[in-house]
């Protein structure tokens, strides 16, 4: 995981299909290599390219697998003064979790 710090202004410069960064939570992700692989199509990621995709990401209720996949694209985080006031745990409780049933 990277310790790099990127401002929202810096992230906003990466807003194309060939250079696509998004913010989810307090972290910055370079999803350029994933744009064409996204199950919902490239339009979904490109809509938020260079911006904050937190609400969109969380409102869909991504699986834990999708959340783990996202971590592979993490390149840094937002500076403290640009971080929104929210509790990460609030979002995680909405994740779709598929666990085997005990018999």
C-alpha atoms as a PDB file:
ATOM      1  CA  UNK A   1       0.000   0.000   0.000  1.00  0.00           C
ATOM      2  CA  UNK A   2       1.210   3.410  -0.888  1.00  0.00           C
ATOM      3  CA  UNK A   3       1.841   6.266   1.520  1.00  0.00           C
ATOM      4  CA  UNK A   4       1.464   8.825  -1.282  1.00  0.00           C
ATOM      5  CA  UNK A   5      -0.826  11.775  -0.625  1.00  0.00           C
ATOM      6  CA  UNK A   6      -2.896  13.221  -3.473  1.00  0.00           C
ATOM      7  CA  UNK A   7      -5.141  16.270  -3.284  1.00  0.00           C
ATOM      8  CA  UNK A   8      -8.575  16.276  -4.889  1.00  0.00           C
ATOM      9  CA  UNK A   9      -7.175  18.757  -7.390  1.00  0.00           C
ATOM     10  CA  UNK A  10      -4.414  16.317  -8.374  1.00  0.00           C
ATOM     11  CA  UNK A  11      -6.913  13.474  -8.715  1.00  0.00           C
ATOM     12  CA  UNK A  12      -9.127  15.629 -10.941  1.00  0.00           C
ATOM     13  CA  UNK A  13      -6.395  15.717 -13.589  1.00  0.00           C
ATOM     14  CA  UNK A  14      -6.757  11.957 -14.133  1.00  0.00           C
ATOM     15  CA  UNK A  15     -10.158  11.898 -15.774  1.00  0.00           C
ATOM     16  CA  UNK A  16      -9.936   9.941 -19.008  1.00  0.00           C
ATOM     17  CA  UNK A  17     -10.186   6.364 -20.168  1.00  0.00           C
ATOM     18  CA  UNK A  18      -6.402   6.278 -20.576  1.00  0.00           C
ATOM     19  CA  UNK A  19      -5.749   7.834 -17.153  1.00  0.00           C
ATOM     20  CA  UNK A  20      -8.548   7.135 -14.689  1.00  0.00           C
ATOM     21  CA  UNK A  21      -8.228   7.812 -10.967  1.00  0.00           C
ATOM     22  CA  UNK A  22     -11.090   7.773  -8.478  1.00  0.00           C
ATOM     23  CA  UNK A  23     -11.545   8.461  -4.793  1.00  0.00           C
ATOM     24  CA  UNK A  24     -13.381   5.972  -2.591  1.00  0.00           C
ATOM     25  CA  UNK A  25     -13.471   6.805   1.083  1.00  0.00           C
ATOM     26  CA  UNK A  26     -10.243   8.576   1.882  1.00  0.00           C
ATOM     27  CA  UNK A  27      -8.200   6.662  -0.661  1.00  0.00           C
ATOM     28  CA  UNK A  28      -7.095   7.263  -4.237  1.00  0.00           C
ATOM     29  CA  UNK A  29      -7.203   4.461  -6.789  1.00  0.00           C
ATOM     30  CA  UNK A  30      -5.754   4.268 -10.294  1.00  0.00           C
ATOM     31  CA  UNK A  31      -8.377   2.131 -12.025  1.00  0.00           C
ATOM     32  CA  UNK A  32      -7.110   2.793 -15.565  1.00  0.00           C
ATOM     33  CA  UNK A  33      -6.356  -0.899 -16.185  1.00  0.00           C
ATOM     34  CA  UNK A  34      -9.794  -1.892 -14.852  1.00  0.00           C
ATOM     35  CA  UNK A  35     -11.970   0.543 -16.838  1.00  0.00           C
ATOM     36  CA  UNK A  36     -12.709  -1.886 -19.678  1.00  0.00           C
ATOM     37  CA  UNK A  37     -13.078  -4.826 -17.273  1.00  0.00           C
ATOM     38  CA  UNK A  38     -15.663  -3.286 -14.947  1.00  0.00           C
ATOM     39  CA  UNK A  39     -18.750  -5.552 -14.882  1.00  0.00           C
ATOM     40  CA  UNK A  40     -21.053  -2.538 -15.189  1.00  0.00           C
ATOM     41  CA  UNK A  41     -19.170  -1.256 -18.217  1.00  0.00           C
ATOM     42  CA  UNK A  42     -16.532   1.447 -18.598  1.00  0.00           C
ATOM     43  CA  UNK A  43     -19.117   4.247 -18.444  1.00  0.00           C
ATOM     44  CA  UNK A  44     -19.605   3.698 -14.714  1.00  0.00           C
ATOM     45  CA  UNK A  45     -15.965   4.362 -13.845  1.00  0.00           C
ATOM     46  CA  UNK A  46     -15.566   7.112 -16.413  1.00  0.00           C
ATOM     47  CA  UNK A  47     -18.514   8.991 -14.933  1.00  0.00           C
ATOM     48  CA  UNK A  48     -16.482   9.404 -11.738  1.00  0.00           C
ATOM     49  CA  UNK A  49     -13.014   9.615 -13.303  1.00  0.00           C
ATOM     50  CA  UNK A  50     -11.001  12.273 -11.523  1.00  0.00           C
ATOM     51  CA  UNK A  51     -13.549  12.568  -8.753  1.00  0.00           C
ATOM     52  CA  UNK A  52     -15.100  11.068  -5.655  1.00  0.00           C
ATOM     53  CA  UNK A  53     -16.928   7.803  -6.326  1.00  0.00           C
ATOM     54  CA  UNK A  54     -17.552   6.937  -2.670  1.00  0.00           C
ATOM     55  CA  UNK A  55     -21.327   7.316  -2.637  1.00  0.00           C
ATOM     56  CA  UNK A  56     -21.752   5.525  -5.961  1.00  0.00           C
ATOM     57  CA  UNK A  57     -19.463   2.684  -4.892  1.00  0.00           C
ATOM     58  CA  UNK A  58     -21.200   2.236  -1.565  1.00  0.00           C
ATOM     59  CA  UNK A  59     -24.780   2.656  -2.789  1.00  0.00           C
ATOM     60  CA  UNK A  60     -24.378  -0.338  -5.106  1.00  0.00           C
ATOM     61  CA  UNK A  61     -23.449  -2.565  -2.178  1.00  0.00           C
ATOM     62  CA  UNK A  62     -20.299  -4.055  -3.668  1.00  0.00           C
ATOM     63  CA  UNK A  63     -19.283  -7.494  -2.453  1.00  0.00           C
ATOM     64  CA  UNK A  64     -16.285  -8.103  -0.233  1.00  0.00           C
ATOM     65  CA  UNK A  65     -14.581  -9.591  -3.306  1.00  0.00           C
ATOM     66  CA  UNK A  66     -15.058  -6.308  -5.188  1.00  0.00           C
ATOM     67  CA  UNK A  67     -13.719  -4.387  -2.181  1.00  0.00           C
ATOM     68  CA  UNK A  68     -10.645  -6.609  -2.033  1.00  0.00           C
ATOM     69  CA  UNK A  69     -10.133  -6.173  -5.774  1.00  0.00           C
ATOM     70  CA  UNK A  70     -10.281  -2.383  -5.366  1.00  0.00           C
ATOM     71  CA  UNK A  71      -7.372  -2.459  -2.912  1.00  0.00           C
ATOM     72  CA  UNK A  72      -5.090  -3.685  -5.734  1.00  0.00           C
ATOM     73  CA  UNK A  73      -5.535  -0.318  -7.424  1.00  0.00           C
ATOM     74  CA  UNK A  74      -4.826   1.854  -4.371  1.00  0.00           C
ATOM     75  CA  UNK A  75      -2.084   4.393  -5.023  1.00  0.00           C
ATOM     76  CA  UNK A  76      -2.477   6.731  -2.067  1.00  0.00           C
ATOM     77  CA  UNK A  77      -4.833   8.722   0.098  1.00  0.00           C
ATOM     78  CA  UNK A  78      -6.305  12.182   0.513  1.00  0.00           C
ATOM     79  CA  UNK A  79      -4.627  14.695   2.815  1.00  0.00           C
ATOM     80  CA  UNK A  80      -6.230  14.941   6.264  1.00  0.00           C
ATOM     81  CA  UNK A  81      -7.747  18.347   5.547  1.00  0.00           C
ATOM     82  CA  UNK A  82      -9.595  17.002   2.455  1.00  0.00           C
ATOM     83  CA  UNK A  83     -11.056  13.909   4.074  1.00  0.00           C
ATOM     84  CA  UNK A  84     -14.824  13.932   4.589  1.00  0.00           C
ATOM     85  CA  UNK A  85     -16.308  13.279   7.997  1.00  0.00           C
ATOM     86  CA  UNK A  86     -17.664   9.765   7.720  1.00  0.00           C
ATOM     87  CA  UNK A  87     -17.047   6.508   9.465  1.00  0.00           C
ATOM     88  CA  UNK A  88     -15.707   3.793   7.165  1.00  0.00           C
ATOM     89  CA  UNK A  89     -17.539   1.141   9.168  1.00  0.00           C
ATOM     90  CA  UNK A  90     -20.889   2.663   8.173  1.00  0.00           C
ATOM     91  CA  UNK A  91     -20.197   1.759   4.557  1.00  0.00           C
ATOM     92  CA  UNK A  92     -18.730  -1.658   5.232  1.00  0.00           C
ATOM     93  CA  UNK A  93     -21.914  -2.803   6.964  1.00  0.00           C
ATOM     94  CA  UNK A  94     -23.707  -2.404   3.638  1.00  0.00           C
ATOM     95  CA  UNK A  95     -21.372  -4.789   1.811  1.00  0.00           C
ATOM     96  CA  UNK A  96     -22.943  -7.923   0.433  1.00  0.00           C
ATOM     97  CA  UNK A  97     -21.347 -10.820   2.245  1.00  0.00           C
ATOM     98  CA  UNK A  98     -21.749 -14.388   1.091  1.00  0.00           C
ATOM     99  CA  UNK A  99     -20.811 -16.902   3.763  1.00  0.00           C
ATOM    100  CA  UNK A 100     -21.297 -20.670   3.669  1.00  0.00           C
ATOM    101  CA  UNK A 101     -24.119 -21.903   5.867  1.00  0.00           C
ATOM    102  CA  UNK A 102     -23.124 -24.154   8.791  1.00  0.00           C
ATOM    103  CA  UNK A 103     -24.969 -27.478   8.900  1.00  0.00           C
END
